[in-house]
């Protein structure tokens, strides 16, 4: 009986091993997943938020796995400290020194830690990882530096292209954050589309619940927000096209002001000149360094969200607006229709008149506002964290069956 019991145990262990080898069950074994954590450990916006959110959601939804975050250094900040305090997320610093670590020497650490999957969260993976047993994934957010090279320095553009093209060619799997980005990878890098999985991004969960009235009142008073306003969020750079929103504002109902949240670049001077020329200084409020905890509240008090960017990889601010039940007007020409869905409005990024007309159409029609809010909120559920996190785990597991 003892021998029979041992045989049954061995069979069970063998079955579990077979399943883990071919990715047949997320619950039959534990994964060790490594991440390029440079952004997660050092950036407080953009790719930093994306990286932390992705890893946090995996850790929450699939807590039996180990999530190892590799970074040469760590920024001191509450968001980052809280991220690394989670029990199944582990900070991994260089064992051999930082020199060439992210691009090459990290492979020694990954092997010593018995990592099964390494995920490069922003356009790059270690050199020569394709010659190891470690499965590799790279996320490509956009190829804007090739579509709009004029926005980038020559050396930066060439470096971005080399890193991302090399990663796409060497990775076992590519994750594109939109169908538009996937199409760009296929067209510009000649990658087989079968190697690319589209997994959309979500936004921070704080945007998904209404704030209490008391909190909204505090936020409104703190930032001296107007009673009625159009909201624009994003770095103030030429590609984001804030100048078009300013030009459109001239033709929008004067009861509505414009609130702009974003880091300033030299392009800000161009916007300032347009504001001065159109006499709109008293109708525009610029905010910087807004605490992330207050940002959803500002969204929730807006009447319209305007995002006429010339080109995006996806458009997280649109997702934030839809979750905040705010009507969206965005630009045609890239992937913003994917983010905003069929019930947002879209205009040419070169047509200020069309943008003004779309904004006026919304603010003049309570029925349209109601429809856009309800249908937008319904549409944005496809980007909810549990949905995209499950898609990501499926992508990881499918690599073992290939």
Protein backbone atom coordinates (compact mmCIF):
# COMPACT_ATOMS: atom_id res chain seq x y z
CA UNK A 1 0.00 0.00 0.00
CA UNK A 2 2.87 2.32 0.82
CA UNK A 3 4.47 1.72 -2.59
CA UNK A 4 1.14 2.32 -4.32
CA UNK A 5 0.70 5.56 -2.38
CA UNK A 6 4.19 6.72 -3.37
CA UNK A 7 3.47 5.88 -7.01
CA UNK A 8 0.27 7.93 -6.92
CA UNK A 9 2.15 10.84 -5.35
CA UNK A 10 4.83 10.65 -8.03
CA UNK A 11 2.15 10.65 -10.76
CA UNK A 12 0.47 13.69 -9.23
CA UNK A 13 3.80 15.53 -9.04
CA UNK A 14 4.56 14.56 -12.62
CA UNK A 15 1.18 15.85 -13.80
CA UNK A 16 1.74 19.14 -12.00
CA UNK A 17 5.20 19.48 -13.54
CA UNK A 18 3.85 18.75 -17.01
CA UNK A 19 1.18 21.41 -16.60
CA UNK A 20 3.74 23.95 -15.39
CA UNK A 21 6.02 23.17 -18.31
CA UNK A 22 3.31 23.85 -20.86
CA UNK A 23 1.40 26.61 -19.10
CA UNK A 24 -1.85 24.65 -18.87
CA UNK A 25 -2.92 25.95 -15.50
CA UNK A 26 -2.13 29.17 -13.66
CA UNK A 27 -2.90 27.45 -10.36
CA UNK A 28 -0.82 24.28 -10.78
CA UNK A 29 2.56 25.92 -10.12
CA UNK A 30 4.25 29.08 -8.98
CA UNK A 31 5.93 31.40 -11.42
CA UNK A 32 8.96 33.55 -10.80
CA UNK A 33 8.52 36.61 -12.98
CA UNK A 34 11.19 39.25 -13.28
CA UNK A 35 10.56 42.82 -14.42
CA UNK A 36 12.72 45.65 -15.65
CA UNK A 37 11.98 47.90 -12.70
CA UNK A 38 13.86 51.05 -13.65
CA UNK A 39 10.63 52.98 -14.22
CA UNK A 40 8.65 51.35 -11.40
CA UNK A 41 11.37 52.20 -8.88
CA UNK A 42 12.16 55.72 -10.04
CA UNK A 43 9.36 57.40 -12.04
CA UNK A 44 6.31 58.89 -10.32
CA UNK A 45 4.26 59.41 -13.50
CA UNK A 46 3.75 57.84 -16.92
CA UNK A 47 5.72 54.62 -17.34
CA UNK A 48 6.36 54.50 -13.60
CA UNK A 49 2.63 54.38 -12.86
CA UNK A 50 2.11 51.85 -15.66
CA UNK A 51 4.85 49.57 -14.34
CA UNK A 52 3.78 49.66 -10.71
CA UNK A 53 0.10 49.21 -11.56
CA UNK A 54 0.79 46.22 -13.79
CA UNK A 55 2.94 44.44 -11.19
CA UNK A 56 0.60 45.33 -8.30
CA UNK A 57 -2.43 43.95 -10.14
CA UNK A 58 -0.59 40.72 -10.96
CA UNK A 59 0.46 40.36 -7.32
CA UNK A 60 -3.11 40.96 -6.17
CA UNK A 61 -4.83 38.72 -8.70
CA UNK A 62 -2.22 35.93 -8.74
CA UNK A 63 -0.68 36.08 -5.24
CA UNK A 64 1.00 32.65 -5.36
CA UNK A 65 3.63 33.84 -7.84
CA UNK A 66 6.82 35.74 -7.03
CA UNK A 67 7.35 39.12 -8.67
CA UNK A 68 10.98 40.25 -8.74
CA UNK A 69 11.63 43.87 -9.68
CA UNK A 70 15.15 44.53 -10.99
CA UNK A 71 16.51 48.07 -10.85
CA UNK A 72 19.96 49.66 -10.45
CA UNK A 73 18.61 52.26 -8.01
CA UNK A 74 15.44 53.28 -6.12
CA UNK A 75 13.91 56.72 -5.68
CA UNK A 76 12.73 57.68 -2.20
CA UNK A 77 8.99 58.34 -2.51
CA UNK A 78 5.81 57.20 -0.74
CA UNK A 79 4.35 55.61 -3.88
CA UNK A 80 7.48 53.57 -4.47
CA UNK A 81 7.96 52.63 -0.80
CA UNK A 82 4.36 51.35 -0.61
CA UNK A 83 4.88 49.37 -3.82
CA UNK A 84 7.84 47.43 -2.43
CA UNK A 85 6.13 46.78 0.91
CA UNK A 86 3.77 44.25 -0.69
CA UNK A 87 4.68 40.71 0.39
CA UNK A 88 5.10 39.02 -3.01
CA UNK A 89 6.86 41.95 -4.72
CA UNK A 90 10.61 41.87 -4.14
CA UNK A 91 13.20 44.54 -4.92
CA UNK A 92 16.31 43.19 -6.65
CA UNK A 93 19.39 45.41 -6.83
CA UNK A 94 22.57 44.55 -8.80
CA UNK A 95 24.75 41.83 -7.30
CA UNK A 96 27.64 42.64 -9.60
CA UNK A 97 27.49 46.45 -9.72
CA UNK A 98 25.39 48.75 -11.96
CA UNK A 99 27.76 48.95 -14.95
CA UNK A 100 26.00 47.46 -18.03
CA UNK A 101 23.71 45.68 -15.61
CA UNK A 102 20.30 46.36 -17.20
CA UNK A 103 21.50 45.45 -20.69
CA UNK A 104 23.79 42.49 -19.98
CA UNK A 105 24.97 41.57 -16.47
CA UNK A 106 21.42 41.26 -15.16
CA UNK A 107 21.28 37.83 -16.84
CA UNK A 108 23.55 36.42 -14.12
CA UNK A 109 21.14 37.63 -11.44
CA UNK A 110 18.10 36.33 -13.32
CA UNK A 111 19.66 32.89 -13.58
CA UNK A 112 20.71 32.82 -9.93
CA UNK A 113 17.16 33.80 -8.92
CA UNK A 114 15.68 31.05 -11.16
CA UNK A 115 13.48 33.56 -13.01
CA UNK A 116 11.24 31.86 -15.59
CA UNK A 117 9.88 34.95 -17.35
CA UNK A 118 11.44 38.38 -17.76
CA UNK A 119 9.19 41.27 -18.80
CA UNK A 120 10.73 44.46 -20.17
CA UNK A 121 8.04 47.01 -19.42
CA UNK A 122 9.28 49.80 -21.67
CA UNK A 123 10.74 48.90 -25.05
CA UNK A 124 13.84 46.92 -24.04
CA UNK A 125 15.07 43.58 -22.73
CA UNK A 126 18.60 42.40 -21.80
CA UNK A 127 20.99 41.56 -24.61
CA UNK A 128 21.48 37.83 -25.18
CA UNK A 129 18.43 36.84 -23.11
CA UNK A 130 17.31 34.86 -26.16
CA UNK A 131 20.26 32.50 -25.53
CA UNK A 132 19.03 31.60 -22.03
CA UNK A 133 16.19 29.38 -20.80
CA UNK A 134 14.30 32.50 -19.63
CA UNK A 135 11.16 33.42 -21.55
CA UNK A 136 11.13 37.10 -22.51
CA UNK A 137 8.35 39.62 -23.04
CA UNK A 138 8.65 43.25 -24.09
CA UNK A 139 5.96 45.92 -23.94
CA UNK A 140 6.00 48.44 -26.79
CA UNK A 141 4.00 51.55 -25.93
CA UNK A 142 4.44 53.42 -29.19
CA UNK A 143 6.81 54.17 -32.06
CA UNK A 144 6.12 57.90 -32.06
CA UNK A 145 9.84 58.63 -32.45
CA UNK A 146 9.56 57.11 -35.94
CA UNK A 147 6.17 58.54 -36.86
CA UNK A 148 7.05 62.06 -35.64
CA UNK A 149 10.86 62.23 -35.60
CA UNK A 150 10.79 66.03 -35.43
CA UNK A 151 9.81 65.82 -31.76
CA UNK A 152 13.03 63.99 -30.80
CA UNK A 153 16.75 64.66 -30.82
CA UNK A 154 18.59 62.65 -33.46
CA UNK A 155 20.69 60.61 -31.00
CA UNK A 156 17.66 59.86 -28.79
CA UNK A 157 15.63 58.74 -31.79
CA UNK A 158 18.35 56.39 -33.00
CA UNK A 159 18.82 54.93 -29.51
CA UNK A 160 15.08 54.36 -29.03
CA UNK A 161 14.82 52.70 -32.43
CA UNK A 162 17.79 50.41 -31.86
CA UNK A 163 16.59 49.28 -28.42
CA UNK A 164 12.97 48.70 -29.40
CA UNK A 165 13.69 47.04 -32.75
CA UNK A 166 16.25 44.73 -31.15
CA UNK A 167 13.86 43.85 -28.33
CA UNK A 168 11.04 43.08 -30.77
CA UNK A 169 13.29 40.80 -32.82
CA UNK A 170 14.69 38.92 -29.80
CA UNK A 171 11.71 38.66 -27.42
CA UNK A 172 9.59 35.53 -27.27
CA UNK A 173 6.47 37.69 -27.07
CA UNK A 174 5.64 41.33 -27.75
CA UNK A 175 2.84 43.18 -25.97
CA UNK A 176 1.47 46.20 -27.84
CA UNK A 177 -0.75 48.53 -25.86
CA UNK A 178 -3.09 49.18 -28.79
CA UNK A 179 -3.97 47.84 -32.21
CA UNK A 180 -2.39 50.97 -33.68
CA UNK A 181 0.91 50.25 -31.95
CA UNK A 182 0.75 46.64 -33.17
CA UNK A 183 0.23 47.84 -36.73
CA UNK A 184 3.21 50.20 -36.38
CA UNK A 185 5.45 47.37 -35.13
CA UNK A 186 4.45 45.19 -38.08
CA UNK A 187 4.87 47.97 -40.64
CA UNK A 188 8.02 49.68 -39.34
CA UNK A 189 9.93 46.69 -37.92
CA UNK A 190 8.62 43.89 -40.13
CA UNK A 191 7.63 41.73 -37.16
CA UNK A 192 5.30 38.77 -37.64
CA UNK A 193 1.91 39.89 -36.22
CA UNK A 194 1.45 36.41 -34.67
CA UNK A 195 4.21 37.32 -32.22
CA UNK A 196 2.34 40.41 -30.97
CA UNK A 197 -0.47 40.41 -28.41
CA UNK A 198 -2.54 43.55 -27.85
CA UNK A 199 -3.17 44.10 -24.15
CA UNK A 200 -4.65 47.47 -23.32
CA UNK A 201 -3.75 49.47 -20.25
CA UNK A 202 -6.04 50.35 -17.40
CA UNK A 203 -5.72 53.36 -15.14
CA UNK A 204 -5.29 53.71 -11.41
CA UNK A 205 -8.24 52.39 -9.41
CA UNK A 206 -8.65 55.77 -7.71
CA UNK A 207 -10.33 57.05 -10.89
CA UNK A 208 -12.99 54.34 -10.73
CA UNK A 209 -14.94 55.55 -7.69
CA UNK A 210 -16.70 58.91 -7.16
CA UNK A 211 -15.15 61.20 -4.55
CA UNK A 212 -17.22 62.37 -1.59
CA UNK A 213 -18.69 65.86 -1.94
CA UNK A 214 -16.56 67.10 0.97
CA UNK A 215 -13.39 65.95 -0.78
CA UNK A 216 -14.44 67.57 -4.06
CA UNK A 217 -15.17 70.84 -2.25
CA UNK A 218 -11.71 70.78 -0.66
CA UNK A 219 -10.04 70.13 -4.02
CA UNK A 220 -12.03 72.87 -5.74
CA UNK A 221 -11.07 75.39 -3.08
CA UNK A 222 -7.42 74.31 -2.96
CA UNK A 223 -6.84 74.83 -6.69
CA UNK A 224 -9.40 77.62 -7.20
CA UNK A 225 -11.18 75.63 -9.88
CA UNK A 226 -13.93 77.38 -11.88
CA UNK A 227 -17.54 76.24 -11.68
CA UNK A 228 -17.56 75.13 -15.32
CA UNK A 229 -14.47 73.99 -17.14
CA UNK A 230 -12.91 71.97 -19.93
CA UNK A 231 -10.02 69.80 -18.76
CA UNK A 232 -6.76 69.01 -20.56
CA UNK A 233 -4.17 66.70 -18.97
CA UNK A 234 -0.73 65.86 -20.33
CA UNK A 235 2.76 67.19 -20.83
CA UNK A 236 2.61 70.59 -22.52
CA UNK A 237 4.54 69.66 -25.65
CA UNK A 238 3.89 70.12 -29.36
CA UNK A 239 2.63 66.57 -29.94
CA UNK A 240 -0.11 66.95 -27.31
CA UNK A 241 -1.46 69.92 -29.29
CA UNK A 242 -2.67 72.17 -26.47
CA UNK A 243 -2.53 75.14 -28.83
CA UNK A 244 -5.55 73.72 -30.68
CA UNK A 245 -7.57 73.61 -27.44
CA UNK A 246 -6.67 77.26 -26.79
CA UNK A 247 -7.75 78.23 -30.30
CA UNK A 248 -11.02 76.32 -29.89
CA UNK A 249 -11.71 77.97 -26.53
CA UNK A 250 -12.16 81.31 -28.28
CA UNK A 251 -15.30 79.89 -29.93
CA UNK A 252 -16.63 78.06 -26.85
CA UNK A 253 -19.35 79.39 -24.53
CA UNK A 254 -17.65 82.05 -22.36
CA UNK A 255 -19.10 80.54 -19.19
CA UNK A 256 -16.58 77.71 -19.56
CA UNK A 257 -12.90 78.02 -18.72
CA UNK A 258 -9.97 75.74 -19.53
CA UNK A 259 -7.98 73.93 -16.83
CA UNK A 260 -4.62 72.51 -17.95
CA UNK A 261 -2.61 70.02 -15.90
CA UNK A 262 0.83 69.09 -17.16
CA UNK A 263 4.57 69.58 -17.08
CA UNK A 264 5.78 72.51 -19.14
CA UNK A 265 8.29 72.22 -21.98
CA UNK A 266 9.64 74.98 -24.29
CA UNK A 267 6.42 74.55 -26.33
CA UNK A 268 4.62 76.29 -23.45
CA UNK A 269 5.88 79.64 -24.80
CA UNK A 270 4.06 78.98 -28.08
CA UNK A 271 0.86 78.30 -26.15
CA UNK A 272 1.35 81.45 -24.05
CA UNK A 273 1.73 83.55 -27.19
CA UNK A 274 -1.51 82.13 -28.60
CA UNK A 275 -3.33 82.85 -25.34
CA UNK A 276 -2.07 86.44 -25.36
CA UNK A 277 -2.98 86.95 -29.00
CA UNK A 278 -6.52 85.63 -28.49
CA UNK A 279 -7.05 87.52 -25.22
CA UNK A 280 -7.84 84.35 -23.23
CA UNK A 281 -5.57 84.78 -20.21
CA UNK A 282 -8.50 85.11 -17.78
CA UNK A 283 -10.16 81.93 -19.09
CA UNK A 284 -7.26 79.50 -18.61
CA UNK A 285 -5.86 78.01 -15.40
CA UNK A 286 -2.54 76.13 -15.46
CA UNK A 287 -1.81 73.66 -12.67
CA UNK A 288 1.45 71.83 -11.99
CA UNK A 289 2.66 69.24 -9.48
CA UNK A 290 -0.84 68.20 -8.49
CA UNK A 291 -0.75 65.40 -5.89
CA UNK A 292 -1.88 62.22 -7.60
CA UNK A 293 -4.51 61.66 -4.89
CA UNK A 294 -6.32 64.86 -5.94
CA UNK A 295 -6.22 64.28 -9.70
CA UNK A 296 -9.34 62.05 -9.96
CA UNK A 297 -11.34 64.68 -8.13
CA UNK A 298 -10.38 67.34 -10.67
CA UNK A 299 -11.46 65.02 -13.48
CA UNK A 300 -14.80 64.39 -11.78
CA UNK A 301 -15.59 68.10 -11.61
CA UNK A 302 -14.83 68.77 -15.31
CA UNK A 303 -17.57 69.21 -17.90
CA UNK A 304 -15.60 68.05 -20.96
CA UNK A 305 -12.22 66.39 -21.44
CA UNK A 306 -10.26 67.57 -24.50
CA UNK A 307 -7.37 65.50 -25.87
CA UNK A 308 -6.48 66.47 -29.45
CA UNK A 309 -3.02 64.86 -29.49
CA UNK A 310 -1.44 64.33 -32.90
CA UNK A 311 -0.28 60.83 -31.98
CA UNK A 312 -0.43 58.47 -29.00
CA UNK A 313 0.36 54.86 -28.27
CA UNK A 314 -2.92 54.57 -26.36
CA UNK A 315 -4.14 57.52 -24.27
CA UNK A 316 -4.49 56.75 -20.55
CA UNK A 317 -5.95 60.23 -19.77
CA UNK A 318 -8.95 59.30 -21.93
CA UNK A 319 -9.49 56.16 -19.84
CA UNK A 320 -9.24 58.27 -16.69
CA UNK A 321 -11.86 60.66 -18.07
CA UNK A 322 -14.29 57.90 -19.06
CA UNK A 323 -14.02 56.31 -15.61
CA UNK A 324 -14.68 59.77 -14.17
CA UNK A 325 -17.90 59.98 -16.23
CA UNK A 326 -16.67 62.94 -18.29
CA UNK A 327 -17.53 63.34 -22.02
CA UNK A 328 -14.41 63.10 -24.19
CA UNK A 329 -13.40 64.92 -27.36
CA UNK A 330 -10.21 63.53 -28.92
CA UNK A 331 -8.30 63.59 -32.19
CA UNK A 332 -8.36 61.27 -35.15
CA UNK A 333 -5.17 59.88 -36.67
CA UNK A 334 -3.72 57.48 -34.11
CA UNK A 335 -5.25 55.17 -31.52
CA UNK A 336 -7.48 57.52 -29.54
CA UNK A 337 -10.65 56.01 -31.01
CA UNK A 338 -9.57 52.71 -29.43
CA UNK A 339 -9.33 54.36 -26.01
CA UNK A 340 -12.41 56.57 -26.25
CA UNK A 341 -14.81 54.15 -27.91
CA UNK A 342 -17.73 54.83 -30.26
CA UNK A 343 -19.52 57.34 -28.07
CA UNK A 344 -16.72 59.86 -27.65
CA UNK A 345 -16.35 62.61 -30.26
CA UNK A 346 -13.37 62.90 -32.60
CA UNK A 347 -12.02 65.76 -34.70
CA UNK A 348 -8.99 66.45 -36.86
CA UNK A 349 -5.99 67.56 -34.75
CA UNK A 350 -5.62 70.48 -37.18
CA UNK A 351 -9.20 71.82 -36.99
CA UNK A 352 -9.83 74.20 -34.09
CA UNK A 353 -13.29 75.02 -35.41
CA UNK A 354 -14.34 71.39 -35.35
CA UNK A 355 -13.03 71.02 -31.79
CA UNK A 356 -14.96 74.09 -30.65
CA UNK A 357 -18.10 72.80 -32.36
CA UNK A 358 -17.78 69.39 -30.65
CA UNK A 359 -17.28 70.98 -27.22
CA UNK A 360 -20.24 73.33 -27.69
CA UNK A 361 -22.39 70.45 -28.87
CA UNK A 362 -21.71 68.63 -25.60
CA UNK A 363 -22.17 71.53 -23.20
CA UNK A 364 -25.39 72.64 -24.92
CA UNK A 365 -27.06 69.21 -24.72
CA UNK A 366 -27.74 67.62 -21.32
CA UNK A 367 -29.11 64.57 -23.12
CA UNK A 368 -25.88 64.09 -25.09
CA UNK A 369 -23.85 64.54 -21.90
CA UNK A 370 -25.89 61.86 -20.17
CA UNK A 371 -25.53 59.46 -23.09
CA UNK A 372 -21.77 60.01 -23.43
CA UNK A 373 -21.20 59.53 -19.70
CA UNK A 374 -23.25 56.35 -19.43
CA UNK A 375 -22.02 54.70 -22.63
CA UNK A 376 -18.44 55.82 -22.03
CA UNK A 377 -18.48 54.27 -18.57
CA UNK A 378 -19.89 51.07 -20.03
CA UNK A 379 -17.25 50.95 -22.79
CA UNK A 380 -14.28 51.58 -20.48
CA UNK A 381 -14.95 48.39 -18.49
CA UNK A 382 -13.03 46.48 -21.18
CA UNK A 383 -9.92 48.15 -19.75
CA UNK A 384 -10.65 47.24 -16.13
CA UNK A 385 -7.68 45.92 -14.19
CA UNK A 386 -8.93 42.33 -13.61
CA UNK A 387 -9.63 41.96 -17.35
CA UNK A 388 -6.25 43.15 -18.61
CA UNK A 389 -4.37 41.37 -15.80
CA UNK A 390 -5.95 38.05 -16.76
CA UNK A 391 -5.01 38.70 -20.39
CA UNK A 392 -1.42 39.34 -19.33
CA UNK A 393 -1.21 36.15 -17.28
CA UNK A 394 -2.66 34.18 -20.20
CA UNK A 395 0.05 35.70 -22.40
CA UNK A 396 2.75 34.56 -19.96
CA UNK A 397 1.38 31.04 -19.72
CA UNK A 398 0.88 30.64 -23.46
CA UNK A 399 4.62 31.04 -24.00
CA UNK A 400 5.23 27.70 -22.29
CA UNK A 401 3.05 25.89 -24.80
CA UNK A 402 4.81 27.29 -27.85
